[in-house]
Amino acid sequence: MALGVFVNWRGNTINKEVHGGVRAAWFLYVLTVVTNVVIVPNLLNMVTYLHGTMHMGVSGSVTTAANFFGATSGFAMIGAFLSDSYITRARTMLLIGPFMFLGYGLLALQAYLPSLHPPACNTEAELNNCKQVHGKNAALLYVGLYLSAVGDGCIRSCLPSLGADQFDHEDPKESHQQSSFFNWYTFGISFGGFVGLILIVWLQNYKGWDVALGLCAVIVLLGLLVVAAGLPFYRNQVPQGSPLTRILQVVHATSWLKT
């Protein structure tokens, strides 16, 4: 690791005794766990929510869920581009990550207020008589979903890279710690998903989607606050431009030369 390329949150040169290492990684472990407590059960149960609560048809529910999954991956690319080219990974997560909290907050509000979602109906017995979400309520649903996708995508793209930045791969001790980070990061994904599939799914089934989604919003907010508390300890790689930008510049220059 070239220490001159890494700075602290104030833009000053880092001190290896203060910045980075296992201490900084612990803040990221917390966010890894809590985001997957939220993400995994909601991804797996989204079709159930759209069909059972919003009374969309099965095909419409599946299409909406698939579009949401794809949008999350697309926003991950945007988050990676921004963190590589313009702002640090920590700032990208803290600036765009709150959209995930806002999205789940809107979904929770919609599930809680009767005026914002269709009346209860047995979709298995009388789907044709069930009122499907539409108009402003449908718009609110899509806004909530895609706001959460924006935040989730940016967090997903920046979190593992920021964790890797906390260790110097040229230092034998820190290189080993970097390998351990990714082991614990993978464990955090699995453990968070395990907890979410028990806790969040139970709340969805027995306490209501409003309670489950509201708790998801609170969990995401707490995770972001923990990451913000770790700002003084992170090693932040100075953005040096995205390879995509340079590729596009070459393509543009080649096209100009041909003309």
C-alpha atoms as a PDB file:
ATOM      1  CA  MET A   1       0.000   0.000   0.000  1.00  0.00           C
ATOM      2  CA  ALA A   2       1.352   3.370  -0.970  1.00  0.00           C
ATOM      3  CA  LEU A   3       0.439   5.447   2.056  1.00  0.00           C
ATOM      4  CA  GLY A   4       0.417   8.674   0.059  1.00  0.00           C
ATOM      5  CA  VAL A   5      -2.600   7.445  -1.943  1.00  0.00           C
ATOM      6  CA  PHE A   6      -4.671   6.933   1.210  1.00  0.00           C
ATOM      7  CA  VAL A   7      -6.000   9.692   3.407  1.00  0.00           C
ATOM      8  CA  ASN A   8      -8.134  10.033   6.507  1.00  0.00           C
ATOM      9  CA  TRP A   9     -11.624  11.483   6.442  1.00  0.00           C
ATOM     10  CA  ARG A  10     -10.209  15.020   6.606  1.00  0.00           C
ATOM     11  CA  GLY A  11      -7.986  14.442   3.562  1.00  0.00           C
ATOM     12  CA  ASN A  12      -4.727  14.234   5.529  1.00  0.00           C
ATOM     13  CA  THR A  13      -2.056  11.540   5.266  1.00  0.00           C
ATOM     14  CA  ILE A  14      -2.935   8.458   7.287  1.00  0.00           C
ATOM     15  CA  ASN A  15      -1.134   7.054  10.304  1.00  0.00           C
ATOM     16  CA  LYS A  16      -1.029   3.246  10.178  1.00  0.00           C
ATOM     17  CA  GLU A  17      -1.131   3.123  13.974  1.00  0.00           C
ATOM     18  CA  VAL A  18      -4.430   5.013  14.033  1.00  0.00           C
ATOM     19  CA  HIS A  19      -6.157   4.357  10.726  1.00  0.00           C
ATOM     20  CA  GLY A  20      -7.267   1.099   9.208  1.00  0.00           C
ATOM     21  CA  GLY A  21      -6.733  -2.395  10.528  1.00  0.00           C
ATOM     22  CA  VAL A  22      -9.115  -4.676  12.363  1.00  0.00           C
ATOM     23  CA  ARG A  23     -10.594  -1.856  14.459  1.00  0.00           C
ATOM     24  CA  ALA A  24     -11.795  -0.009  11.371  1.00  0.00           C
ATOM     25  CA  ALA A  25     -13.117  -3.240   9.855  1.00  0.00           C
ATOM     26  CA  TRP A  26     -15.426  -3.890  12.812  1.00  0.00           C
ATOM     27  CA  PHE A  27     -17.613  -0.928  11.861  1.00  0.00           C
ATOM     28  CA  LEU A  28     -18.003  -2.441   8.391  1.00  0.00           C
ATOM     29  CA  TYR A  29     -18.835  -5.877   9.782  1.00  0.00           C
ATOM     30  CA  VAL A  30     -21.792  -4.339  11.612  1.00  0.00           C
ATOM     31  CA  LEU A  31     -23.155  -2.766   8.423  1.00  0.00           C
ATOM     32  CA  THR A  32     -22.648  -6.040   6.537  1.00  0.00           C
ATOM     33  CA  VAL A  33     -24.747  -7.963   9.041  1.00  0.00           C
ATOM     34  CA  VAL A  34     -27.563  -5.443   9.448  1.00  0.00           C
ATOM     35  CA  THR A  35     -27.997  -4.766   5.732  1.00  0.00           C
ATOM     36  CA  ASN A  36     -28.310  -8.470   5.019  1.00  0.00           C
ATOM     37  CA  VAL A  37     -30.805  -8.858   7.868  1.00  0.00           C
ATOM     38  CA  VAL A  38     -32.890  -6.464   5.773  1.00  0.00           C
ATOM     39  CA  ILE A  39     -32.000  -7.395   2.200  1.00  0.00           C
ATOM     40  CA  VAL A  40     -32.224 -11.195   2.147  1.00  0.00           C
ATOM     41  CA  PRO A  41     -35.749 -11.731   3.549  1.00  0.00           C
ATOM     42  CA  ASN A  42     -37.228  -8.838   1.587  1.00  0.00           C
ATOM     43  CA  LEU A  43     -35.715 -10.020  -1.680  1.00  0.00           C
ATOM     44  CA  LEU A  44     -37.075 -13.525  -1.142  1.00  0.00           C
ATOM     45  CA  ASN A  45     -40.514 -12.369   0.027  1.00  0.00           C
ATOM     46  CA  MET A  46     -41.049  -9.435  -2.331  1.00  0.00           C
ATOM     47  CA  VAL A  47     -43.334 -11.354  -4.698  1.00  0.00           C
ATOM     48  CA  THR A  48     -45.435 -12.419  -1.707  1.00  0.00           C
ATOM     49  CA  TYR A  49     -45.777  -8.780  -0.618  1.00  0.00           C
ATOM     50  CA  LEU A  50     -46.631  -7.459  -4.062  1.00  0.00           C
ATOM     51  CA  HIS A  51     -49.160 -10.218  -4.743  1.00  0.00           C
ATOM     52  CA  GLY A  52     -50.672 -10.644  -1.298  1.00  0.00           C
ATOM     53  CA  THR A  53     -50.736  -7.064  -0.019  1.00  0.00           C
ATOM     54  CA  MET A  54     -50.610  -4.899  -3.142  1.00  0.00           C
ATOM     55  CA  HIS A  55     -52.770  -7.401  -5.076  1.00  0.00           C
ATOM     56  CA  MET A  56     -50.641  -7.396  -8.206  1.00  0.00           C
ATOM     57  CA  GLY A  57     -51.008 -10.380 -10.495  1.00  0.00           C
ATOM     58  CA  VAL A  58     -48.423 -13.119 -10.183  1.00  0.00           C
ATOM     59  CA  SER A  59     -46.700 -12.183 -13.441  1.00  0.00           C
ATOM     60  CA  GLY A  60     -46.742  -8.487 -12.551  1.00  0.00           C
ATOM     61  CA  SER A  61     -45.316  -9.221  -9.098  1.00  0.00           C
ATOM     62  CA  VAL A  62     -42.511 -11.343 -10.536  1.00  0.00           C
ATOM     63  CA  THR A  63     -41.688  -8.712 -13.164  1.00  0.00           C
ATOM     64  CA  THR A  64     -41.594  -5.918 -10.585  1.00  0.00           C
ATOM     65  CA  ALA A  65     -39.366  -7.982  -8.292  1.00  0.00           C
ATOM     66  CA  ALA A  66     -37.016  -8.884 -11.162  1.00  0.00           C
ATOM     67  CA  ASN A  67     -36.786  -5.224 -12.208  1.00  0.00           C
ATOM     68  CA  PHE A  68     -35.963  -4.310  -8.618  1.00  0.00           C
ATOM     69  CA  PHE A  69     -33.178  -6.922  -8.470  1.00  0.00           C
ATOM     70  CA  GLY A  70     -31.747  -5.649 -11.740  1.00  0.00           C
ATOM     71  CA  ALA A  71     -31.954  -2.016 -10.651  1.00  0.00           C
ATOM     72  CA  THR A  72     -30.044  -2.831  -7.457  1.00  0.00           C
ATOM     73  CA  SER A  73     -27.195  -4.306  -9.512  1.00  0.00           C
ATOM     74  CA  GLY A  74     -27.271  -1.337 -11.881  1.00  0.00           C
ATOM     75  CA  PHE A  75     -27.066   1.165  -9.046  1.00  0.00           C
ATOM     76  CA  ALA A  76     -24.141  -0.839  -7.648  1.00  0.00           C
ATOM     77  CA  MET A  77     -22.237  -0.029 -10.839  1.00  0.00           C
ATOM     78  CA  ILE A  78     -23.068   3.656 -10.429  1.00  0.00           C
ATOM     79  CA  GLY A  79     -21.900   3.589  -6.805  1.00  0.00           C
ATOM     80  CA  ALA A  80     -18.625   1.936  -7.802  1.00  0.00           C
ATOM     81  CA  PHE A  81     -18.087   4.528 -10.547  1.00  0.00           C
ATOM     82  CA  LEU A  82     -18.702   7.459  -8.181  1.00  0.00           C
ATOM     83  CA  SER A  83     -16.442   6.080  -5.444  1.00  0.00           C
ATOM     84  CA  ASP A  84     -13.606   5.384  -7.895  1.00  0.00           C
ATOM     85  CA  SER A  85     -13.862   8.656  -9.787  1.00  0.00           C
ATOM     86  CA  TYR A  86     -15.102  11.458  -7.553  1.00  0.00           C
ATOM     87  CA  ILE A  87     -15.694  10.710  -3.857  1.00  0.00           C
ATOM     88  CA  THR A  88     -14.327   8.142  -1.433  1.00  0.00           C
ATOM     89  CA  ARG A  89     -16.084   4.864  -0.750  1.00  0.00           C
ATOM     90  CA  ALA A  90     -17.010   5.841   2.802  1.00  0.00           C
ATOM     91  CA  ARG A  91     -18.575   9.095   1.654  1.00  0.00           C
ATOM     92  CA  THR A  92     -20.421   7.330  -1.153  1.00  0.00           C
ATOM     93  CA  MET A  93     -22.028   4.971   1.352  1.00  0.00           C
ATOM     94  CA  LEU A  94     -22.895   7.738   3.790  1.00  0.00           C
ATOM     95  CA  LEU A  95     -24.270  10.081   1.121  1.00  0.00           C
ATOM     96  CA  ILE A  96     -26.291   7.551  -0.889  1.00  0.00           C
ATOM     97  CA  GLY A  97     -26.869   4.792   1.687  1.00  0.00           C
ATOM     98  CA  PRO A  98     -29.597   6.822   3.487  1.00  0.00           C
ATOM     99  CA  PHE A  99     -31.774   6.389   0.389  1.00  0.00           C
ATOM    100  CA  MET A 100     -32.122   2.767   1.499  1.00  0.00           C
ATOM    101  CA  PHE A 101     -33.440   3.942   4.880  1.00  0.00           C
ATOM    102  CA  LEU A 102     -35.790   6.394   3.192  1.00  0.00           C
ATOM    103  CA  GLY A 103     -37.068   3.724   0.793  1.00  0.00           C
ATOM    104  CA  TYR A 104     -37.911   1.250   3.534  1.00  0.00           C
ATOM    105  CA  GLY A 105     -39.434   4.048   5.568  1.00  0.00           C
ATOM    106  CA  LEU A 106     -41.806   4.914   2.709  1.00  0.00           C
ATOM    107  CA  LEU A 107     -42.707   1.249   2.207  1.00  0.00           C
ATOM    108  CA  ALA A 108     -43.420   0.905   5.927  1.00  0.00           C
ATOM    109  CA  LEU A 109     -45.602   4.016   5.876  1.00  0.00           C
ATOM    110  CA  GLN A 110     -47.526   2.693   2.891  1.00  0.00           C
ATOM    111  CA  ALA A 111     -48.062  -0.693   4.551  1.00  0.00           C
ATOM    112  CA  TYR A 112     -49.241   1.018   7.760  1.00  0.00           C
ATOM    113  CA  LEU A 113     -51.728   3.577   6.407  1.00  0.00           C
ATOM    114  CA  PRO A 114     -54.901   1.973   4.930  1.00  0.00           C
ATOM    115  CA  SER A 115     -55.338   4.872   2.506  1.00  0.00           C
ATOM    116  CA  LEU A 116     -51.995   4.074   0.828  1.00  0.00           C
ATOM    117  CA  HIS A 117     -52.588   0.409  -0.013  1.00  0.00           C
ATOM    118  CA  PRO A 118     -55.510  -1.684  -1.291  1.00  0.00           C
ATOM    119  CA  PRO A 119     -58.004  -3.114   1.224  1.00  0.00           C
ATOM    120  CA  ALA A 120     -57.364  -6.623   2.520  1.00  0.00           C
ATOM    121  CA  CYS A 121     -58.568  -9.335   0.175  1.00  0.00           C
ATOM    122  CA  ASN A 122     -58.141 -13.084  -0.289  1.00  0.00           C
ATOM    123  CA  THR A 123     -56.048 -13.192  -3.437  1.00  0.00           C
ATOM    124  CA  GLU A 124     -56.254 -16.973  -3.637  1.00  0.00           C
ATOM    125  CA  ALA A 125     -60.053 -17.158  -3.613  1.00  0.00           C
ATOM    126  CA  GLU A 126     -61.160 -13.918  -5.245  1.00  0.00           C
ATOM    127  CA  LEU A 127     -58.222 -12.325  -7.058  1.00  0.00           C
ATOM    128  CA  ASN A 128     -60.481 -10.856  -9.756  1.00  0.00           C
ATOM    129  CA  ASN A 129     -62.386  -8.949  -7.064  1.00  0.00           C
ATOM    130  CA  CYS A 130     -59.265  -7.656  -5.320  1.00  0.00           C
ATOM    131  CA  LYS A 131     -58.365  -4.027  -5.916  1.00  0.00           C
ATOM    132  CA  GLN A 132     -54.801  -3.728  -7.247  1.00  0.00           C
ATOM    133  CA  VAL A 133     -52.547  -0.886  -6.150  1.00  0.00           C
ATOM    134  CA  HIS A 134     -52.728   1.932  -8.693  1.00  0.00           C
ATOM    135  CA  GLY A 135     -52.301   5.653  -9.247  1.00  0.00           C
ATOM    136  CA  LYS A 136     -50.456   7.626  -6.594  1.00  0.00           C
ATOM    137  CA  ASN A 137     -50.192   4.597  -4.332  1.00  0.00           C
ATOM    138  CA  ALA A 138     -48.484   2.597  -7.072  1.00  0.00           C
ATOM    139  CA  ALA A 139     -46.114   5.522  -7.645  1.00  0.00           C
ATOM    140  CA  LEU A 140     -45.316   5.586  -3.915  1.00  0.00           C
ATOM    141  CA  LEU A 141     -44.611   1.847  -4.022  1.00  0.00           C
ATOM    142  CA  TYR A 142     -42.161   2.197  -6.906  1.00  0.00           C
ATOM    143  CA  VAL A 143     -40.474   5.221  -5.340  1.00  0.00           C
ATOM    144  CA  GLY A 144     -39.941   3.290  -2.104  1.00  0.00           C
ATOM    145  CA  LEU A 145     -38.604   0.230  -3.923  1.00  0.00           C
ATOM    146  CA  TYR A 146     -36.171   2.103  -6.131  1.00  0.00           C
ATOM    147  CA  LEU A 147     -34.935   4.427  -3.401  1.00  0.00           C
ATOM    148  CA  SER A 148     -34.005   1.338  -1.391  1.00  0.00           C
ATOM    149  CA  ALA A 149     -32.363  -0.127  -4.512  1.00  0.00           C
ATOM    150  CA  VAL A 150     -30.218   3.009  -4.929  1.00  0.00           C
ATOM    151  CA  GLY A 151     -28.942   2.841  -1.356  1.00  0.00           C
ATOM    152  CA  ASP A 152     -28.548  -0.932  -1.323  1.00  0.00           C
ATOM    153  CA  GLY A 153     -26.622  -0.955  -4.598  1.00  0.00           C
ATOM    154  CA  CYS A 154     -24.156   1.716  -3.522  1.00  0.00           C
ATOM    155  CA  ILE A 155     -23.542   0.101  -0.158  1.00  0.00           C
ATOM    156  CA  ARG A 156     -23.084  -3.296  -1.786  1.00  0.00           C
ATOM    157  CA  SER A 157     -20.466  -2.007  -4.239  1.00  0.00           C
ATOM    158  CA  CYS A 158     -18.464   0.092  -1.764  1.00  0.00           C
ATOM    159  CA  LEU A 159     -18.468  -1.973   1.422  1.00  0.00           C
ATOM    160  CA  PRO A 160     -16.091  -4.837   0.502  1.00  0.00           C
ATOM    161  CA  SER A 161     -13.681  -2.477  -1.286  1.00  0.00           C
ATOM    162  CA  LEU A 162     -13.581  -0.115   1.682  1.00  0.00           C
ATOM    163  CA  GLY A 163     -12.870  -3.098   3.915  1.00  0.00           C
ATOM    164  CA  ALA A 164      -9.962  -4.177   1.708  1.00  0.00           C
ATOM    165  CA  ASP A 165      -8.547  -0.636   1.861  1.00  0.00           C
ATOM    166  CA  GLN A 166      -8.087  -0.966   5.625  1.00  0.00           C
ATOM    167  CA  PHE A 167      -5.215  -3.416   5.178  1.00  0.00           C
ATOM    168  CA  ASP A 168      -1.815  -3.101   3.499  1.00  0.00           C
ATOM    169  CA  HIS A 169      -1.399  -6.134   1.251  1.00  0.00           C
ATOM    170  CA  GLU A 170       2.369  -5.511   1.172  1.00  0.00           C
ATOM    171  CA  ASP A 171       2.588  -5.981   4.935  1.00  0.00           C
ATOM    172  CA  PRO A 172       2.580  -9.745   5.750  1.00  0.00           C
ATOM    173  CA  LYS A 173       0.575  -9.278   8.938  1.00  0.00           C
ATOM    174  CA  GLU A 174      -2.022  -6.979   7.352  1.00  0.00           C
ATOM    175  CA  SER A 175      -2.195  -9.145   4.242  1.00  0.00           C
ATOM    176  CA  HIS A 176      -3.294 -12.037   6.447  1.00  0.00           C
ATOM    177  CA  GLN A 177      -5.791  -9.748   8.188  1.00  0.00           C
ATOM    178  CA  GLN A 178      -7.167  -8.721   4.805  1.00  0.00           C
ATOM    179  CA  SER A 179      -7.865 -12.358   3.967  1.00  0.00           C
ATOM    180  CA  SER A 180      -9.568 -12.743   7.331  1.00  0.00           C
ATOM    181  CA  PHE A 181     -11.670  -9.661   6.612  1.00  0.00           C
ATOM    182  CA  PHE A 182     -13.195 -11.269   3.539  1.00  0.00           C
ATOM    183  CA  ASN A 183     -13.852 -14.459   5.496  1.00  0.00           C
ATOM    184  CA  TRP A 184     -15.699 -12.507   8.164  1.00  0.00           C
ATOM    185  CA  TYR A 185     -17.411 -10.383   5.525  1.00  0.00           C
ATOM    186  CA  THR A 186     -18.801 -13.528   3.897  1.00  0.00           C
ATOM    187  CA  PHE A 187     -19.819 -14.838   7.301  1.00  0.00           C
ATOM    188  CA  GLY A 188     -21.575 -11.527   8.016  1.00  0.00           C
ATOM    189  CA  ILE A 189     -23.630 -11.879   4.826  1.00  0.00           C
ATOM    190  CA  SER A 190     -24.693 -15.410   5.770  1.00  0.00           C
ATOM    191  CA  PHE A 191     -25.327 -14.596   9.430  1.00  0.00           C
ATOM    192  CA  GLY A 192     -27.334 -11.471   8.588  1.00  0.00           C
ATOM    193  CA  GLY A 193     -29.432 -13.401   6.080  1.00  0.00           C
ATOM    194  CA  PHE A 194     -29.994 -16.177   8.632  1.00  0.00           C
ATOM    195  CA  VAL A 195     -31.202 -13.715  11.278  1.00  0.00           C
ATOM    196  CA  GLY A 196     -33.356 -11.888   8.744  1.00  0.00           C
ATOM    197  CA  LEU A 197     -35.034 -15.052   7.498  1.00  0.00           C
ATOM    198  CA  ILE A 198     -36.047 -15.834  11.065  1.00  0.00           C
ATOM    199  CA  LEU A 199     -36.826 -12.400  12.546  1.00  0.00           C
ATOM    200  CA  ILE A 200     -38.057 -10.342   9.593  1.00  0.00           C
ATOM    201  CA  VAL A 201     -40.053 -13.164   7.995  1.00  0.00           C
ATOM    202  CA  TRP A 202     -41.693 -13.908  11.359  1.00  0.00           C
ATOM    203  CA  LEU A 203     -42.681 -10.244  11.692  1.00  0.00           C
ATOM    204  CA  GLN A 204     -44.021 -10.190   8.130  1.00  0.00           C
ATOM    205  CA  ASN A 205     -46.192 -13.241   8.761  1.00  0.00           C
ATOM    206  CA  TYR A 206     -47.426 -12.570  12.298  1.00  0.00           C
ATOM    207  CA  LYS A 207     -47.062  -8.843  13.068  1.00  0.00           C
ATOM    208  CA  GLY A 208     -47.633  -7.297   9.657  1.00  0.00           C
ATOM    209  CA  TRP A 209     -45.580  -5.865   6.838  1.00  0.00           C
ATOM    210  CA  ASP A 210     -45.712  -2.391   8.357  1.00  0.00           C
ATOM    211  CA  VAL A 211     -43.885  -3.572  11.488  1.00  0.00           C
ATOM    212  CA  ALA A 212     -41.363  -5.621   9.493  1.00  0.00           C
ATOM    213  CA  LEU A 213     -40.563  -2.840   7.028  1.00  0.00           C
ATOM    214  CA  GLY A 214     -40.411  -0.242   9.791  1.00  0.00           C
ATOM    215  CA  LEU A 215     -37.893  -2.354  11.689  1.00  0.00           C
ATOM    216  CA  CYS A 216     -35.893  -2.744   8.465  1.00  0.00           C
ATOM    217  CA  ALA A 217     -35.685   1.038   8.110  1.00  0.00           C
ATOM    218  CA  VAL A 218     -34.504   1.406  11.712  1.00  0.00           C
ATOM    219  CA  ILE A 219     -31.899  -1.344  11.301  1.00  0.00           C
ATOM    220  CA  VAL A 220     -30.481   0.283   8.162  1.00  0.00           C
ATOM    221  CA  LEU A 221     -30.286   3.660   9.919  1.00  0.00           C
ATOM    222  CA  LEU A 222     -28.445   2.134  12.882  1.00  0.00           C
ATOM    223  CA  GLY A 223     -25.971   0.431  10.546  1.00  0.00           C
ATOM    224  CA  LEU A 224     -25.228   3.699   8.743  1.00  0.00           C
ATOM    225  CA  LEU A 225     -24.728   5.493  12.063  1.00  0.00           C
ATOM    226  CA  VAL A 226     -22.210   2.838  13.107  1.00  0.00           C
ATOM    227  CA  VAL A 227     -20.298   3.289   9.840  1.00  0.00           C
ATOM    228  CA  ALA A 228     -20.367   7.070  10.331  1.00  0.00           C
ATOM    229  CA  ALA A 229     -18.908   6.601  13.818  1.00  0.00           C
ATOM    230  CA  GLY A 230     -15.948   4.817  12.234  1.00  0.00           C
ATOM    231  CA  LEU A 231     -15.023   7.701   9.897  1.00  0.00           C
ATOM    232  CA  PRO A 232     -12.025   8.838  12.006  1.00  0.00           C
ATOM    233  CA  PHE A 233     -10.484   5.364  11.718  1.00  0.00           C
ATOM    234  CA  TYR A 234     -10.804   4.572   8.000  1.00  0.00           C
ATOM    235  CA  ARG A 235      -8.098   4.582   5.380  1.00  0.00           C
ATOM    236  CA  ASN A 236      -9.718   6.222   2.351  1.00  0.00           C
ATOM    237  CA  GLN A 237      -8.303   5.666  -1.106  1.00  0.00           C
ATOM    238  CA  VAL A 238      -8.086   8.905  -3.050  1.00  0.00           C
ATOM    239  CA  PRO A 239     -10.324   8.663  -6.156  1.00  0.00           C
ATOM    240  CA  GLN A 240      -8.128   8.425  -9.245  1.00  0.00           C
ATOM    241  CA  GLY A 241     -10.699   8.065 -11.974  1.00  0.00           C
ATOM    242  CA  SER A 242     -12.627   5.084 -13.222  1.00  0.00           C
ATOM    243  CA  PRO A 243     -11.213   2.737 -15.902  1.00  0.00           C
ATOM    244  CA  LEU A 244     -14.568   3.126 -17.631  1.00  0.00           C
ATOM    245  CA  THR A 245     -13.957   6.841 -18.081  1.00  0.00           C
ATOM    246  CA  ARG A 246     -10.556   6.233 -19.655  1.00  0.00           C
ATOM    247  CA  ILE A 247     -11.997   3.551 -21.955  1.00  0.00           C
ATOM    248  CA  LEU A 248     -14.711   5.949 -23.142  1.00  0.00           C
ATOM    249  CA  GLN A 249     -12.105   8.651 -23.688  1.00  0.00           C
ATOM    250  CA  VAL A 250     -10.073   6.295 -25.897  1.00  0.00           C
ATOM    251  CA  VAL A 251     -13.186   5.307 -27.849  1.00  0.00           C
ATOM    252  CA  HIS A 252     -14.108   8.954 -28.328  1.00  0.00           C
ATOM    253  CA  ALA A 253     -10.588   9.882 -29.429  1.00  0.00           C
ATOM    254  CA  THR A 254     -10.486   6.969 -31.884  1.00  0.00           C
ATOM    255  CA  SER A 255     -13.825   7.978 -33.356  1.00  0.00           C
ATOM    256  CA  TRP A 256     -12.624  11.575 -33.719  1.00  0.00           C
ATOM    257  CA  LEU A 257      -9.442  10.489 -35.499  1.00  0.00           C
ATOM    258  CA  LYS A 258     -11.420   8.370 -37.969  1.00  0.00           C
ATOM    259  CA  THR A 259     -13.520  11.362 -38.895  1.00  0.00           C
END
